[in-house]
Amino acid sequence: MNTLIAVSIAPFGVGDELSGYVAEVIKVIEASGLPSRTTSMFTEIEGEWDAVMKVVKDATFVLAEKGIRTQVIMKADIRPGYTNRMQGKLEKLDSILGGKRS
């Protein structure tokens, strides 16, 4: 079943500079081949439930397997019969707002 998630995977106890660790997580997500989009706070991933959950697990464990305490925050939207929701939701919003947002 198609699933769209917003996920934040972040290390704890490694100091103030997290970008390198976050980059490791994003590399795993992008290597999965699933549609994804990263913003300043979350990464969206879309695909079949099992595939998306595997990516979340793999991306989490890239840090956890190094002994790094890792926090995962996730929100999921499961809507049977729909696909391409990551883009479709924004297109719907843009049509309501009268065009592309900047």
Protein backbone atom coordinates (compact mmCIF):
# COMPACT_ATOMS: atom_id res chain seq x y z
CA MET A 1 0.00 0.00 0.00
CA ASN A 2 1.39 3.41 -0.99
CA THR A 3 2.79 5.36 1.95
CA LEU A 4 4.13 8.88 2.23
CA ILE A 5 6.22 9.61 5.30
CA ALA A 6 8.00 12.61 6.74
CA VAL A 7 10.95 11.45 8.79
CA SER A 8 13.69 13.08 10.81
CA ILE A 9 16.61 10.86 11.81
CA ALA A 10 19.15 12.61 14.00
CA PRO A 11 22.06 11.67 16.25
CA PHE A 12 22.29 12.62 19.92
CA GLY A 13 25.35 13.18 22.05
CA VAL A 14 27.75 13.90 19.20
CA GLY A 15 28.15 17.67 19.65
CA ASP A 16 26.64 20.60 17.85
CA GLU A 17 27.70 19.81 14.28
CA LEU A 18 25.22 17.27 12.96
CA SER A 19 25.44 17.87 9.20
CA GLY A 20 27.93 15.08 8.51
CA TYR A 21 25.78 12.54 10.33
CA VAL A 22 22.61 13.74 8.62
CA ALA A 23 24.39 13.46 5.26
CA GLU A 24 25.11 9.78 5.99
CA VAL A 25 21.39 9.23 6.64
CA ILE A 26 20.36 11.06 3.46
CA LYS A 27 22.80 9.01 1.36
CA VAL A 28 21.05 5.82 2.49
CA ILE A 29 17.61 7.27 1.71
CA GLU A 30 18.65 8.50 -1.75
CA ALA A 31 20.38 5.19 -2.56
CA SER A 32 17.08 3.37 -1.97
CA GLY A 33 15.70 4.62 -5.27
CA LEU A 34 12.40 5.62 -3.67
CA PRO A 35 11.11 9.13 -4.39
CA SER A 36 12.35 11.44 -1.64
CA ARG A 37 12.72 15.12 -0.88
CA THR A 38 14.79 16.63 1.92
CA THR A 39 14.01 19.97 3.54
CA SER A 40 15.65 21.73 6.46
CA MET A 41 13.67 19.72 9.03
CA PHE A 42 12.41 16.47 7.47
CA THR A 43 12.83 14.10 4.57
CA GLU A 44 9.75 12.82 2.75
CA ILE A 45 9.85 9.31 1.30
CA GLU A 46 7.13 7.69 -0.78
CA GLY A 47 6.57 4.07 -1.76
CA GLU A 48 5.09 0.80 -0.63
CA TRP A 49 4.86 0.49 3.17
CA ASP A 50 7.45 -2.29 3.54
CA ALA A 51 9.94 -0.55 1.24
CA VAL A 52 9.58 2.79 3.03
CA MET A 53 9.95 1.18 6.47
CA LYS A 54 13.07 -0.67 5.31
CA VAL A 55 14.62 2.62 4.20
CA VAL A 56 13.79 4.22 7.56
CA LYS A 57 15.37 1.26 9.36
CA ASP A 58 18.49 1.23 7.17
CA ALA A 59 18.92 5.01 7.47
CA THR A 60 18.50 4.84 11.26
CA PHE A 61 20.93 1.98 11.66
CA VAL A 62 23.68 3.72 9.67
CA LEU A 63 24.12 5.80 12.83
CA ALA A 64 22.92 3.36 15.51
CA GLU A 65 25.33 0.64 14.34
CA LYS A 66 28.17 3.07 15.11
CA GLY A 67 26.95 3.24 18.71
CA ILE A 68 25.34 6.65 18.20
CA ARG A 69 22.12 7.33 20.07
CA THR A 70 19.60 8.08 17.32
CA GLN A 71 16.18 9.73 17.43
CA VAL A 72 13.55 9.06 14.78
CA ILE A 73 10.48 11.27 14.36
CA MET A 74 8.05 10.05 11.73
CA LYS A 75 4.64 10.96 10.39
CA ALA A 76 2.91 8.65 7.88
CA ASP A 77 0.08 9.20 5.40
CA ILE A 78 -1.38 5.96 4.09
CA ARG A 79 -4.05 6.61 1.47
CA PRO A 80 -5.26 3.49 -0.38
CA GLY A 81 -5.66 3.90 -4.13
CA TYR A 82 -3.43 6.96 -4.44
CA THR A 83 0.16 7.36 -5.63
CA ASN A 84 2.52 10.28 -6.24
CA ARG A 85 1.19 12.06 -3.16
CA MET A 86 4.50 13.79 -2.45
CA GLN A 87 4.08 15.87 -5.61
CA GLY A 88 0.29 15.69 -5.88
CA LYS A 89 -0.33 17.35 -2.53
CA LEU A 90 1.81 20.34 -3.51
CA GLU A 91 0.15 20.63 -6.92
CA LYS A 92 -3.27 20.68 -5.25
CA LEU A 93 -2.13 23.40 -2.84
CA ASP A 94 -0.63 25.43 -5.68
CA SER A 95 -3.91 25.24 -7.63
CA ILE A 96 -5.82 26.55 -4.61
CA LEU A 97 -3.29 29.34 -4.05
CA GLY A 98 -3.35 30.32 -7.72
CA GLY A 99 0.10 29.22 -8.83
CA LYS A 100 3.54 28.17 -7.76
CA ARG A 101 4.76 29.30 -4.38
CA SER A 102 8.30 30.60 -4.01
